[in-house]
């Protein structure tokens, strides 16, 4: 999970994790599966997903983790590159 994963710092981190074989969740206030950054990485064959999150909202963070776990995944790495 890369918070701020579509920004100047976060996108290269998201790409590196995807290249290493990780399932990557790009998380930001405006992220979605249909955003251009996710489409670009998926187009290269990577397992990447976009999720919206206001990281200042603890309930939202817990809900996002629950949502990811319901999909059968468990976040094992968290990168906070959001500014």
C-alpha atoms as a PDB file:
ATOM      1  CA  UNK A   1       0.000   0.000   0.000  1.00  0.00           C
ATOM      2  CA  UNK A   2       1.536   3.287  -1.126  1.00  0.00           C
ATOM      3  CA  UNK A   3      -0.140   6.363   0.333  1.00  0.00           C
ATOM      4  CA  UNK A   4       0.479   9.198  -2.101  1.00  0.00           C
ATOM      5  CA  UNK A   5       1.362   6.530  -4.646  1.00  0.00           C
ATOM      6  CA  UNK A   6       0.583   8.592  -7.713  1.00  0.00           C
ATOM      7  CA  UNK A   7       2.791  11.570  -6.796  1.00  0.00           C
ATOM      8  CA  UNK A   8       6.370  12.489  -7.727  1.00  0.00           C
ATOM      9  CA  UNK A   9       7.799  10.349  -4.932  1.00  0.00           C
ATOM     10  CA  UNK A  10       5.085   7.712  -4.644  1.00  0.00           C
ATOM     11  CA  UNK A  11       4.772   6.723  -8.312  1.00  0.00           C
ATOM     12  CA  UNK A  12       8.375   5.479  -8.646  1.00  0.00           C
ATOM     13  CA  UNK A  13       7.907   3.542  -5.398  1.00  0.00           C
ATOM     14  CA  UNK A  14       4.648   2.050  -6.695  1.00  0.00           C
ATOM     15  CA  UNK A  15       6.391   1.067  -9.925  1.00  0.00           C
ATOM     16  CA  UNK A  16       9.362  -0.499  -8.104  1.00  0.00           C
ATOM     17  CA  UNK A  17       7.083  -2.564  -5.870  1.00  0.00           C
ATOM     18  CA  UNK A  18       5.037  -3.697  -8.885  1.00  0.00           C
ATOM     19  CA  UNK A  19       8.205  -4.631 -10.782  1.00  0.00           C
ATOM     20  CA  UNK A  20       9.267  -6.710  -7.771  1.00  0.00           C
ATOM     21  CA  UNK A  21       6.024  -8.671  -8.065  1.00  0.00           C
ATOM     22  CA  UNK A  22       3.976  -7.020  -5.329  1.00  0.00           C
ATOM     23  CA  UNK A  23       0.258  -6.410  -5.513  1.00  0.00           C
ATOM     24  CA  UNK A  24       0.239  -2.621  -5.174  1.00  0.00           C
ATOM     25  CA  UNK A  25      -2.526  -0.391  -3.848  1.00  0.00           C
ATOM     26  CA  UNK A  26      -2.010   3.233  -4.883  1.00  0.00           C
ATOM     27  CA  UNK A  27      -3.827   5.245  -2.236  1.00  0.00           C
ATOM     28  CA  UNK A  28      -4.670   8.949  -2.345  1.00  0.00           C
ATOM     29  CA  UNK A  29      -7.717  11.160  -1.828  1.00  0.00           C
ATOM     30  CA  UNK A  30      -8.614  10.923  -5.527  1.00  0.00           C
ATOM     31  CA  UNK A  31      -7.335   7.442  -6.428  1.00  0.00           C
ATOM     32  CA  UNK A  32      -9.444   4.813  -8.214  1.00  0.00           C
ATOM     33  CA  UNK A  33      -8.980   1.778 -10.428  1.00  0.00           C
ATOM     34  CA  UNK A  34      -9.830   3.967 -13.423  1.00  0.00           C
ATOM     35  CA  UNK A  35      -7.143   6.606 -12.849  1.00  0.00           C
ATOM     36  CA  UNK A  36      -4.443   6.959 -15.492  1.00  0.00           C
ATOM     37  CA  UNK A  37      -1.531   5.837 -13.274  1.00  0.00           C
ATOM     38  CA  UNK A  38      -3.262   2.533 -12.478  1.00  0.00           C
ATOM     39  CA  UNK A  39      -4.156   1.998 -16.140  1.00  0.00           C
ATOM     40  CA  UNK A  40      -0.526   2.609 -17.188  1.00  0.00           C
ATOM     41  CA  UNK A  41       0.875   0.091 -14.717  1.00  0.00           C
ATOM     42  CA  UNK A  42      -1.813  -2.487 -15.495  1.00  0.00           C
ATOM     43  CA  UNK A  43      -1.006  -2.011 -19.170  1.00  0.00           C
ATOM     44  CA  UNK A  44       2.510  -3.213 -18.357  1.00  0.00           C
ATOM     45  CA  UNK A  45       1.042  -6.322 -16.742  1.00  0.00           C
ATOM     46  CA  UNK A  46       1.338  -5.272 -13.107  1.00  0.00           C
ATOM     47  CA  UNK A  47      -1.168  -6.088 -10.355  1.00  0.00           C
ATOM     48  CA  UNK A  48      -2.056  -2.539  -9.316  1.00  0.00           C
ATOM     49  CA  UNK A  49      -5.198  -1.068  -7.761  1.00  0.00           C
ATOM     50  CA  UNK A  50      -6.265   2.460  -6.888  1.00  0.00           C
ATOM     51  CA  UNK A  51      -8.098   3.290  -3.684  1.00  0.00           C
ATOM     52  CA  UNK A  52      -9.371   6.580  -2.326  1.00  0.00           C
ATOM     53  CA  UNK A  53      -8.415   7.565   1.217  1.00  0.00           C
ATOM     54  CA  UNK A  54      -8.297  10.617   3.454  1.00  0.00           C
ATOM     55  CA  UNK A  55      -5.355   9.579   5.619  1.00  0.00           C
ATOM     56  CA  UNK A  56      -6.401  11.986   8.373  1.00  0.00           C
ATOM     57  CA  UNK A  57      -9.534   9.889   8.990  1.00  0.00           C
ATOM     58  CA  UNK A  58      -8.796   6.838  11.181  1.00  0.00           C
ATOM     59  CA  UNK A  59     -12.159   5.213  10.403  1.00  0.00           C
ATOM     60  CA  UNK A  60     -11.416   5.557   6.697  1.00  0.00           C
ATOM     61  CA  UNK A  61      -8.028   3.896   7.145  1.00  0.00           C
ATOM     62  CA  UNK A  62      -9.590   0.980   9.015  1.00  0.00           C
ATOM     63  CA  UNK A  63     -12.324   0.656   6.377  1.00  0.00           C
ATOM     64  CA  UNK A  64      -9.765   0.580   3.573  1.00  0.00           C
ATOM     65  CA  UNK A  65      -7.765  -2.163   5.278  1.00  0.00           C
ATOM     66  CA  UNK A  66     -10.961  -4.177   5.819  1.00  0.00           C
ATOM     67  CA  UNK A  67     -11.897  -3.697   2.147  1.00  0.00           C
ATOM     68  CA  UNK A  68      -8.488  -4.955   1.014  1.00  0.00           C
ATOM     69  CA  UNK A  69      -8.699  -7.925   3.362  1.00  0.00           C
ATOM     70  CA  UNK A  70     -12.166  -8.796   1.973  1.00  0.00           C
ATOM     71  CA  UNK A  71     -10.507  -8.971  -1.452  1.00  0.00           C
ATOM     72  CA  UNK A  72      -8.228 -11.670  -0.053  1.00  0.00           C
ATOM     73  CA  UNK A  73      -5.146  -9.526   0.493  1.00  0.00           C
ATOM     74  CA  UNK A  74      -3.366  -8.339   3.594  1.00  0.00           C
ATOM     75  CA  UNK A  75      -1.169  -5.246   3.375  1.00  0.00           C
ATOM     76  CA  UNK A  76       2.343  -6.231   4.389  1.00  0.00           C
ATOM     77  CA  UNK A  77       4.145  -3.011   3.451  1.00  0.00           C
ATOM     78  CA  UNK A  78       2.978   0.547   3.993  1.00  0.00           C
ATOM     79  CA  UNK A  79       4.771   3.431   2.335  1.00  0.00           C
ATOM     80  CA  UNK A  80       3.598   6.911   3.288  1.00  0.00           C
ATOM     81  CA  UNK A  81       4.784   9.246   0.574  1.00  0.00           C
ATOM     82  CA  UNK A  82       1.794  11.555   0.956  1.00  0.00           C
ATOM     83  CA  UNK A  83       2.615  15.150   1.727  1.00  0.00           C
END
